Every structure is written in structure tokens, then in C-alpha cells.
Amino acid sequence: MLALLRRVPVQRYTRGAPRHAALSALASPSPVRQQAELEDEYKDAGHDDAQSGVYRLPDALHLEKGGVLEGVEVAYTTYGELNAARDNAIVLCHALTGHSQVHQWWDAMVKPEWTDKYFLVCSNILGSCYGTTGPATINPATQRPYGPSFPAVTLRDAIRVQKKLLQDGLGVQQVRSVVGGSLGGMQTLEWGFIGGPDYVKSVVPIACNSHHSAWQIAMSEVQRQAIYMDPNFQDGHYDPATPPHQGLALARQIAMISYRTHAAYRDKYGRDVVETQTPTKHPQYQVQSYLSYQGQKFLSRFDVNSFVALTHMMDMHDVGRGRGGVAQALSTVSQPALVVGVETDVLYPLAEQLELAEQLPHAAFHSIASPHGHDGFLLEQDALAALTTEFLAKHGL
């Protein structure tokens, strides 16, 4: 581990000791946000600067794994104004089940301090179900939803779509940084390659890695198996009147366990029992109720075939594919990078961010102290905003 630290400036953010006193308020975790526990992570909150739209690619999209998508549409939201030079854009990338409305899940990144200076853009990733072409989209050839016939899409396909939106749809001449966590962090890395140093000036990958490991693939697979085992799934050709709710809810519950930690569940729920009006054979613990709630809530906002498609996309994540391997690929990234990890993340362990920072030639590494595991990249967003602001200022961005 010490060898990993030799070329990487390592900094650690904790509740009581931010690196600069001026950043104290931002670097400390928000008690209000922690109490919310992301139980309503996508609230219907407005934002004065938010402008949403849909861009349709004029040409067919030829996919990395083969196949073609016609008439690809990408839903996006912007914050702030594009300057006269059209070079003040920052791309924000969402995670697995996210969408382009950043103010509903990463509001610290779209505060006036940023929107007054930058043109912030977030687009719904290819294969998702929040306005961008995905399995729930009508296939123009059949006039029916793609469903399981939606072709395999990779992160590189997704970033090519995003780049077309930025350049052709919005007229952005230069991107000052690409920032994202989890699947969003994986997108930042591909942006570094596909955008190139002349177009993308820096990247901020958070709580991610250079390639999906066997551990993460296993987590994805058990969630997909929960879906496949639901008899209503019908290999993806499910009846909309009887969707595979049991399988999708269980998949979400499994994911929620991997997003947190032993300590977080212990401290929040312990062995507390739900009070019932009638006796039950076995007690129902508060943590069971929480997981059930998360599973049921997820059903109303996400498409099951999109979930399958995007978890496969994440499993295929490997920056070294076709580039001579991970180390060789990362050695060619000339842009400055800020790599951030969450100390308690069990899904994407901190060692993976350390390794990523070691292999990027111009990277700084920071860790965030949080009891919340992988979800710390959402819950500790004030600290992340402070780190990113400092990083951009340091590099004159």
C-alpha cells in the first residue's frame, strides 16, 4: 500500500479537520443530509437555473459491441450560462439509477457559487429510463418498446452520445471538468479518453475504479438473478400489467445493503423492532422495514430492463480494453485528475481509488471520512463540492 502513495498527494477530509479553515462548513458532513438517509433521494425540488431539454442525434449511433441505434435521444439539464467563448462547461455524471436533474440528488454541485461561473450540464445516460434512449424507448422499426432486444451498450457508447450533445447540441467548445461518482465516476474516466486533453481539461472520478472487479460483478449478478427469478420477468418480455416487481424490489434491497456499512445499519437501526397491532410469529426489525420501503419505492421510478442493461454496462467497464491494459491506458491521460474515495466504501474500496490515482500521471487523491459507505459520495456532497472547487481553482479552471 505504501508504494501506491509515493507519487500521489494524499489528503484526508474528516469532520473536525478540513484542510483549510475557510472550507470548514463545506468539508464537514451535513447533519441534515445524513438524517435524511437518502430515503427520498429524488425529491421533486425546483431550481431557478435548471433548463431541461432533449437532443436527438442526427445520425445513427454505431455501437462498440455491434449493432446500430437510430434516432437516439438524450435528455439533459443545464445550470448557469454558457459564456461567449463557450468554454466554461462542467459535465456532471449521475450514478446507476440517477437522472439529469442534479439539484434533486447533488444540489451542492449546482449552488450559485458554481452556476454563476460555470455552465453545468448533466445528461441521462444511454440505456436509462429518464428520457434518454433505452429499453423502455419505442423502437422505430417495430413501434414497440425495445425491451430485452435493446442492444448491449457500453460506457464508451454513452460518452460518445454525451459528447455529441455537448458539441453539436449545445455548442460547447471546451469542458473544464467532468465530475461524477460511482457509475458517474466511470464516465469521467471515459470522458478523459474520448474527449481528449484539448476538449476536456480535467476529470474528477469519485468512488469508482479503473475496471469493474469480480466483487462488483458479483454484486451486479446477484441483483440481476433476483430479477430473472421473478416469473413475471419473462426474459424481459414482461406484461406491463404484471411487471416483475418482486424481483426488482429484491434487487434494489440487495444494492442498498452494498451501498452502506455494518456500522451505518447498526447505528441507524440496531435491533429495533417495528410495533404491530397483532402478534407475529417472528419480529419485524426496523432494518427489514427500511429495506422493504426502499424496494417498493424503487418500483415506481425505474425500468427493470434498464436496470439489467446498465448493470451490464458497469460490469463491462474497463479503461484498458483495447488500449493496452489499464496501466498503459491510464498512463496516457495528460489531464489533471482529482480522485476521491470514501473511507468506508465496501462496494468500491478505497484501495481502488488509491490505485487509480497512482496510475494517473497527474492525479491528486483525497479520501472522505463518512460512516455511510458508498452512499457517502451523495451524503457528503458538501465536502465533495469543496474539494472540487479547490481543485478547479488550483488548475485555473
Protein backbone atom coordinates (compact mmCIF):
# COMPACT_ATOMS: atom_id res chain seq x y z
CA MET A 1 0.00 0.00 0.00
CA LEU A 2 2.84 2.43 0.80
CA ALA A 3 4.16 2.08 -2.72
CA LEU A 4 0.86 3.35 -4.01
CA LEU A 5 1.26 6.57 -2.08
CA ARG A 6 4.68 7.63 -3.34
CA ARG A 7 3.59 9.77 -6.26
CA VAL A 8 0.08 10.60 -5.07
CA PRO A 9 -0.57 13.65 -2.87
CA VAL A 10 -2.88 12.10 -0.29
CA GLN A 11 -5.25 14.22 1.74
CA ARG A 12 -7.99 13.13 4.11
CA TYR A 13 -11.11 15.10 4.94
CA THR A 14 -12.66 14.49 8.35
CA ARG A 15 -15.47 16.13 10.22
CA GLY A 16 -13.24 18.14 12.53
CA ALA A 17 -10.19 18.81 10.42
CA PRO A 18 -10.73 20.24 6.95
CA ARG A 19 -7.51 21.23 5.22
CA HIS A 20 -8.39 24.92 5.30
CA ALA A 21 -10.44 26.72 7.92
CA ALA A 22 -12.31 28.57 5.19
CA LEU A 23 -13.66 25.24 3.97
CA SER A 24 -14.87 24.05 7.37
CA ALA A 25 -18.56 24.49 6.66
CA LEU A 26 -18.30 22.72 3.32
CA ALA A 27 -15.90 19.95 4.24
CA SER A 28 -17.92 18.71 7.20
CA PRO A 29 -20.75 16.24 6.57
CA SER A 30 -24.20 17.79 6.68
CA PRO A 31 -26.18 16.53 9.70
CA VAL A 32 -29.45 17.33 7.95
CA ARG A 33 -28.45 15.36 4.89
CA GLN A 34 -27.22 12.45 6.99
CA GLN A 35 -30.51 12.30 8.87
CA ALA A 36 -32.39 12.23 5.61
CA GLU A 37 -30.53 8.98 4.83
CA LEU A 38 -31.38 9.39 1.16
CA GLU A 39 -34.79 7.92 1.90
CA ASP A 40 -36.22 10.42 -0.56
CA GLU A 41 -33.15 10.83 -2.71
CA TYR A 42 -35.01 12.14 -5.75
CA LYS A 43 -37.32 14.77 -4.36
CA ASP A 44 -39.48 16.95 -6.56
CA ALA A 45 -37.45 20.07 -5.87
CA GLY A 46 -37.19 23.01 -8.24
CA HIS A 47 -34.12 25.02 -9.19
CA ASP A 48 -34.14 28.55 -10.58
CA ASP A 49 -31.30 27.92 -13.05
CA ALA A 50 -32.36 24.48 -14.31
CA GLN A 51 -33.16 24.21 -18.01
CA SER A 52 -34.10 20.79 -19.37
CA GLY A 53 -34.34 19.51 -22.90
CA VAL A 54 -33.94 16.54 -25.22
CA TYR A 55 -31.40 16.36 -28.04
CA ARG A 56 -31.86 13.97 -30.96
CA LEU A 57 -28.73 12.71 -32.67
CA PRO A 58 -29.00 13.42 -36.41
CA ASP A 59 -27.09 10.27 -37.37
CA ALA A 60 -27.30 6.62 -36.40
CA LEU A 61 -25.20 5.52 -33.44
CA HIS A 62 -22.90 2.60 -34.24
CA LEU A 63 -22.25 0.72 -31.02
CA GLU A 64 -18.97 -0.63 -29.70
CA LYS A 65 -20.31 -4.17 -29.29
CA GLY A 66 -22.05 -4.16 -32.65
CA GLY A 67 -25.49 -3.02 -33.67
CA VAL A 68 -26.93 0.35 -34.54
CA LEU A 69 -29.36 2.65 -32.78
CA GLU A 70 -31.38 5.05 -34.92
CA GLY A 71 -32.81 8.32 -33.69
CA VAL A 72 -31.06 8.32 -30.32
CA GLU A 73 -32.44 10.94 -27.96
CA VAL A 74 -30.63 12.21 -24.88
CA ALA A 75 -32.37 14.06 -22.04
CA TYR A 76 -30.32 16.73 -20.32
CA THR A 77 -30.45 19.54 -17.79
CA THR A 78 -28.24 22.63 -17.67
CA TYR A 79 -27.49 25.16 -14.95
CA GLY A 80 -25.89 28.56 -15.43
CA GLU A 81 -24.96 30.19 -18.74
CA LEU A 82 -22.52 29.25 -21.47
CA ASN A 83 -20.04 32.11 -21.81
CA ALA A 84 -19.13 33.92 -25.03
CA ALA A 85 -16.08 31.73 -25.56
CA ARG A 86 -18.29 28.66 -24.97
CA ASP A 87 -15.56 27.17 -22.80
CA ASN A 88 -16.92 27.28 -19.23
CA ALA A 89 -18.80 23.96 -19.21
CA ILE A 90 -18.60 21.35 -16.47
CA VAL A 91 -20.17 17.95 -17.10
CA LEU A 92 -21.81 16.24 -14.12
CA CYS A 93 -22.41 12.49 -14.43
CA HIS A 94 -25.06 10.59 -12.49
CA ALA A 95 -24.90 7.12 -10.95
CA LEU A 96 -26.75 3.90 -11.82
CA THR A 97 -30.35 4.93 -11.10
CA GLY A 98 -29.88 8.69 -11.38
CA HIS A 99 -31.10 11.27 -13.87
CA SER A 100 -30.18 14.68 -15.23
CA GLN A 101 -31.94 16.73 -12.52
CA VAL A 102 -28.79 17.27 -10.45
CA HIS A 103 -30.48 19.58 -7.94
CA GLN A 104 -32.55 16.61 -6.74
CA TRP A 105 -29.56 14.43 -5.82
CA TRP A 106 -26.33 16.53 -5.79
CA ASP A 107 -27.58 20.01 -5.01
CA ALA A 108 -24.23 21.16 -3.57
CA MET A 109 -22.82 20.97 -7.10
CA VAL A 110 -25.36 23.40 -8.55
CA LYS A 111 -25.21 26.15 -5.93
CA PRO A 112 -24.78 29.79 -7.06
CA GLU A 113 -21.02 29.60 -6.47
CA TRP A 114 -20.90 27.25 -9.45
CA THR A 115 -23.83 28.35 -11.58
CA ASP A 116 -22.59 31.96 -11.57
CA LYS A 117 -19.26 30.84 -13.05
CA TYR A 118 -19.89 27.64 -14.97
CA PHE A 119 -22.29 26.14 -17.47
CA LEU A 120 -23.19 22.85 -15.82
CA VAL A 121 -24.54 20.00 -17.94
CA CYS A 122 -25.89 16.63 -16.88
CA SER A 123 -27.45 14.16 -19.29
CA ASN A 124 -29.32 10.95 -18.62
CA ILE A 125 -27.06 8.08 -19.62
CA LEU A 126 -27.73 5.92 -22.67
CA GLY A 127 -29.78 2.87 -21.66
CA SER A 128 -31.53 4.57 -18.75
CA CYS A 129 -35.21 5.41 -18.46
CA TYR A 130 -35.30 9.14 -17.67
CA GLY A 131 -35.69 10.50 -21.19
CA THR A 132 -32.64 9.08 -22.96
CA THR A 133 -32.99 6.18 -25.39
CA GLY A 134 -33.08 2.87 -23.53
CA PRO A 135 -35.00 -0.40 -23.28
CA ALA A 136 -38.27 1.39 -22.47
CA THR A 137 -37.98 3.55 -25.61
CA ILE A 138 -40.11 2.80 -28.65
CA ASN A 139 -38.07 1.01 -31.30
CA PRO A 140 -38.75 2.92 -34.55
CA ALA A 141 -38.51 -0.34 -36.52
CA THR A 142 -41.24 -2.12 -34.56
CA GLN A 143 -43.18 0.70 -32.89
CA ARG A 144 -42.90 -1.25 -29.64
CA PRO A 145 -40.55 -0.76 -26.69
CA TYR A 146 -37.10 -2.26 -27.24
CA GLY A 147 -37.35 -4.24 -24.00
CA PRO A 148 -34.75 -7.04 -23.89
CA SER A 149 -33.95 -6.52 -27.59
CA PHE A 150 -32.18 -3.28 -26.70
CA PRO A 151 -28.57 -3.83 -27.80
CA ALA A 152 -25.64 -4.01 -25.40
CA VAL A 153 -24.32 -0.51 -24.76
CA THR A 154 -21.01 0.41 -23.15
CA LEU A 155 -19.72 3.43 -21.32
CA ARG A 156 -17.86 4.43 -24.45
CA ASP A 157 -21.11 4.45 -26.41
CA ALA A 158 -22.67 6.58 -23.68
CA ILE A 159 -19.84 9.11 -23.66
CA ARG A 160 -19.92 9.42 -27.44
CA VAL A 161 -23.60 10.33 -27.12
CA GLN A 162 -22.85 12.86 -24.39
CA LYS A 163 -20.06 14.40 -26.45
CA LYS A 164 -22.39 14.83 -29.42
CA LEU A 165 -24.87 16.56 -27.13
CA LEU A 166 -22.20 18.91 -25.81
CA GLN A 167 -20.57 19.75 -29.12
CA ASP A 168 -23.39 19.57 -31.64
CA GLY A 169 -26.44 20.16 -29.47
CA LEU A 170 -25.18 22.79 -27.03
CA GLY A 171 -22.20 24.21 -28.90
CA VAL A 172 -19.73 23.71 -26.07
CA GLN A 173 -16.18 24.37 -27.29
CA GLN A 174 -14.37 23.18 -24.17
CA VAL A 175 -15.17 21.28 -20.97
CA ARG A 176 -13.30 22.47 -17.90
CA SER A 177 -14.02 19.32 -15.93
CA VAL A 178 -16.11 16.17 -15.79
CA VAL A 179 -17.29 15.21 -12.30
CA GLY A 180 -19.15 12.09 -11.19
CA GLY A 181 -19.46 9.37 -8.58
CA SER A 182 -19.88 5.59 -8.90
CA LEU A 183 -21.11 4.94 -12.47
CA GLY A 184 -20.70 8.69 -12.88
CA GLY A 185 -17.05 8.35 -11.92
CA MET A 186 -16.55 5.68 -14.56
CA GLN A 187 -17.99 8.12 -17.08
CA THR A 188 -15.45 10.78 -16.10
CA LEU A 189 -12.60 8.41 -16.96
CA GLU A 190 -14.01 7.59 -20.40
CA TRP A 191 -14.58 11.31 -20.97
CA GLY A 192 -10.85 11.81 -20.40
CA PHE A 193 -10.03 9.42 -23.24
CA ILE A 194 -12.84 10.17 -25.67
CA GLY A 195 -12.87 13.92 -25.11
CA GLY A 196 -9.10 14.22 -25.18
CA PRO A 197 -6.99 16.88 -23.43
CA ASP A 198 -7.85 19.63 -25.91
CA TYR A 199 -11.56 19.34 -25.17
CA VAL A 200 -11.69 18.00 -21.59
CA LYS A 201 -9.32 19.89 -19.30
CA SER A 202 -9.70 17.79 -16.11
CA VAL A 203 -11.59 14.89 -14.56
CA VAL A 204 -12.91 14.16 -11.06
CA PRO A 205 -13.68 10.44 -10.63
CA ILE A 206 -15.32 9.70 -7.26
CA ALA A 207 -15.97 6.34 -5.57
CA CYS A 208 -15.15 4.27 -8.65
CA ASN A 209 -12.31 2.34 -10.22
CA SER A 210 -10.49 1.76 -13.49
CA HIS A 211 -12.34 -1.50 -14.19
CA HIS A 212 -15.18 -3.41 -12.57
CA SER A 213 -13.75 -6.08 -10.32
CA ALA A 214 -15.03 -9.60 -9.67
CA TRP A 215 -16.51 -8.26 -6.41
CA GLN A 216 -18.63 -5.65 -8.18
CA ILE A 217 -19.61 -8.02 -10.98
CA ALA A 218 -20.79 -10.49 -8.35
CA MET A 219 -22.93 -7.79 -6.73
CA SER A 220 -24.43 -6.90 -10.11
CA GLU A 221 -25.11 -10.53 -10.96
CA VAL A 222 -26.96 -11.42 -7.76
CA GLN A 223 -29.20 -8.38 -8.31
CA ARG A 224 -29.91 -9.45 -11.88
CA GLN A 225 -30.60 -13.01 -10.73
CA ALA A 226 -33.22 -11.67 -8.32
CA ILE A 227 -34.94 -10.13 -11.34
CA TYR A 228 -34.54 -13.20 -13.56
CA MET A 229 -36.10 -15.45 -10.90
CA ASP A 230 -39.30 -13.41 -10.84
CA PRO A 231 -41.71 -15.43 -13.04
CA ASN A 232 -43.24 -12.18 -14.28
CA PHE A 233 -39.95 -11.09 -15.86
CA GLN A 234 -40.41 -13.43 -18.85
CA ASP A 235 -36.83 -12.87 -20.06
CA GLY A 236 -37.60 -9.17 -20.24
CA HIS A 237 -40.79 -9.55 -22.29
CA TYR A 238 -42.97 -8.90 -19.28
CA ASP A 239 -46.60 -7.83 -19.36
CA PRO A 240 -46.80 -4.15 -18.29
CA ALA A 241 -49.91 -5.06 -16.31
CA THR A 242 -47.93 -7.55 -14.21
CA PRO A 243 -44.32 -6.31 -14.07
CA PRO A 244 -41.62 -8.24 -12.15
CA HIS A 245 -41.99 -6.11 -9.04
CA GLN A 246 -40.80 -8.75 -6.60
CA GLY A 247 -37.54 -9.28 -8.46
CA LEU A 248 -36.79 -5.61 -8.98
CA ALA A 249 -37.60 -4.74 -5.37
CA LEU A 250 -35.29 -7.50 -4.14
CA ALA A 251 -32.52 -6.34 -6.48
CA ARG A 252 -32.81 -2.85 -5.02
CA GLN A 253 -32.70 -4.17 -1.46
CA ILE A 254 -29.51 -6.08 -2.22
CA ALA A 255 -27.99 -2.96 -3.74
CA MET A 256 -28.93 -0.85 -0.72
CA ILE A 257 -27.01 -3.22 1.55
CA SER A 258 -23.87 -2.85 -0.59
CA TYR A 259 -24.21 0.95 -0.60
CA ARG A 260 -23.91 1.21 3.20
CA THR A 261 -21.86 -0.34 6.00
CA HIS A 262 -22.21 -2.55 9.06
CA ALA A 263 -21.77 0.48 11.31
CA ALA A 264 -24.32 2.58 9.42
CA TYR A 265 -27.01 -0.08 9.76
CA ARG A 266 -26.10 -0.76 13.38
CA ASP A 267 -26.20 2.89 14.39
CA LYS A 268 -29.36 3.73 12.46
CA TYR A 269 -31.49 0.65 13.16
CA GLY A 270 -29.77 -1.59 15.68
CA ARG A 271 -32.19 -4.33 16.70
CA ASP A 272 -35.19 -2.03 16.88
CA VAL A 273 -38.47 -3.79 16.20
CA VAL A 274 -41.50 -2.48 14.31
CA GLU A 275 -44.55 -2.29 16.54
CA THR A 276 -47.53 -4.23 15.16
CA GLN A 277 -51.17 -4.23 16.27
CA THR A 278 -51.39 -8.01 16.12
CA PRO A 279 -48.76 -10.52 17.28
CA THR A 280 -46.49 -12.01 14.62
CA LYS A 281 -44.62 -15.30 14.61
CA HIS A 282 -41.30 -13.52 14.13
CA PRO A 283 -40.41 -9.93 14.96
CA GLN A 284 -40.07 -7.47 12.11
CA TYR A 285 -36.97 -5.37 12.62
CA GLN A 286 -36.70 -1.74 11.60
CA VAL A 287 -33.94 -2.56 9.13
CA GLN A 288 -36.29 -5.00 7.38
CA SER A 289 -38.90 -2.29 7.13
CA TYR A 290 -36.32 0.11 5.70
CA LEU A 291 -35.21 -2.32 3.01
CA SER A 292 -38.81 -3.12 2.11
CA TYR A 293 -39.55 0.58 1.78
CA GLN A 294 -36.54 1.14 -0.48
CA GLY A 295 -37.51 -1.78 -2.68
CA GLN A 296 -41.13 -0.69 -3.06
CA LYS A 297 -40.25 2.95 -3.69
CA PHE A 298 -37.88 1.95 -6.48
CA LEU A 299 -40.65 0.23 -8.46
CA SER A 300 -42.36 3.48 -9.38
CA ARG A 301 -39.27 5.16 -10.78
CA PHE A 302 -37.09 2.69 -12.68
CA ASP A 303 -37.45 0.30 -15.60
CA VAL A 304 -36.34 -3.27 -14.95
CA ASN A 305 -34.76 -3.75 -18.38
CA SER A 306 -32.81 -0.51 -17.94
CA PHE A 307 -31.54 -1.86 -14.62
CA VAL A 308 -30.31 -5.00 -16.35
CA ALA A 309 -28.74 -3.05 -19.24
CA LEU A 310 -26.93 -0.56 -17.02
CA THR A 311 -25.56 -3.12 -14.58
CA HIS A 312 -24.11 -4.97 -17.59
CA MET A 313 -22.66 -1.65 -18.80
CA MET A 314 -20.95 -1.23 -15.44
CA ASP A 315 -19.62 -4.79 -15.49
CA MET A 316 -18.04 -4.11 -18.90
CA HIS A 317 -16.26 -1.03 -17.53
CA ASP A 318 -12.54 -1.38 -18.23
CA VAL A 319 -10.48 1.62 -19.33
CA GLY A 320 -7.75 -0.74 -20.53
CA ARG A 321 -9.91 -2.60 -23.05
CA GLY A 322 -8.33 -2.12 -26.47
CA ARG A 323 -5.85 0.38 -25.02
CA GLY A 324 -3.06 -1.94 -23.97
CA GLY A 325 -4.33 -2.67 -20.48
CA VAL A 326 -5.29 -0.47 -17.54
CA ALA A 327 -1.82 0.79 -16.60
CA GLN A 328 -0.90 1.63 -20.19
CA ALA A 329 -4.21 3.37 -20.83
CA LEU A 330 -4.12 5.50 -17.69
CA SER A 331 -0.50 6.49 -18.32
CA THR A 332 -1.67 8.35 -21.43
CA VAL A 333 -4.13 10.59 -19.57
CA SER A 334 -2.49 14.01 -19.55
CA GLN A 335 -5.27 15.97 -17.86
CA PRO A 336 -5.11 16.75 -14.14
CA ALA A 337 -7.35 14.47 -12.11
CA LEU A 338 -8.85 14.61 -8.65
CA VAL A 339 -9.55 11.08 -7.43
CA VAL A 340 -11.82 10.87 -4.39
CA GLY A 341 -12.76 7.85 -2.31
CA VAL A 342 -14.99 7.23 0.69
CA GLU A 343 -13.08 5.61 3.54
CA THR A 344 -15.86 3.20 4.49
CA ASP A 345 -16.91 2.20 0.96
CA VAL A 346 -17.25 -1.59 0.81
CA LEU A 347 -18.57 -1.68 -2.76
CA TYR A 348 -15.71 0.32 -4.30
CA PRO A 349 -12.98 0.02 -1.64
CA LEU A 350 -10.61 2.91 -1.04
CA ALA A 351 -7.67 0.85 -2.30
CA GLU A 352 -9.17 1.00 -5.79
CA GLN A 353 -9.17 4.80 -5.80
CA LEU A 354 -5.59 4.81 -4.47
CA GLU A 355 -4.56 2.53 -7.32
CA LEU A 356 -6.38 4.71 -9.84
CA ALA A 357 -4.66 7.85 -8.54
CA GLU A 358 -1.28 6.12 -8.60
CA GLN A 359 -1.70 5.17 -12.26
CA LEU A 360 -2.95 8.57 -13.47
CA PRO A 361 0.15 10.71 -14.15
CA HIS A 362 -1.31 13.99 -12.88
CA ALA A 363 -3.64 12.92 -10.08
CA ALA A 364 -4.26 14.07 -6.55
CA PHE A 365 -6.04 11.79 -4.12
CA HIS A 366 -8.45 12.67 -1.31
CA SER A 367 -10.48 10.47 0.99
CA ILE A 368 -13.77 11.46 2.59
CA ALA A 369 -14.46 10.38 6.16
CA SER A 370 -18.03 9.13 6.26
CA PRO A 371 -19.90 6.40 8.14
CA HIS A 372 -22.19 5.82 5.16
CA GLY A 373 -20.07 3.69 2.84
CA HIS A 374 -20.54 4.03 -0.92
CA ASP A 375 -23.51 6.36 -0.46
CA GLY A 376 -21.06 8.81 1.10
CA PHE A 377 -20.47 10.28 -2.36
CA LEU A 378 -24.08 11.50 -2.21
CA LEU A 379 -24.42 12.19 1.50
CA GLU A 380 -21.11 14.05 1.90
CA GLN A 381 -21.65 16.20 -1.15
CA ASP A 382 -20.71 19.47 0.57
CA ALA A 383 -17.23 18.11 1.23
CA LEU A 384 -17.02 16.94 -2.38
CA ALA A 385 -18.09 20.34 -3.67
CA ALA A 386 -15.38 21.99 -1.56
CA LEU A 387 -12.71 19.59 -2.81
CA THR A 388 -13.75 20.06 -6.43
CA THR A 389 -13.88 23.85 -6.12
CA GLU A 390 -10.38 23.90 -4.68
CA PHE A 391 -9.12 21.54 -7.40
CA LEU A 392 -10.55 23.69 -10.20
CA ALA A 393 -9.09 26.86 -8.70
CA LYS A 394 -5.66 25.24 -8.33
CA HIS A 395 -5.60 24.43 -12.04
CA GLY A 396 -7.02 27.75 -13.17
CA LEU A 397 -10.27 26.22 -14.31
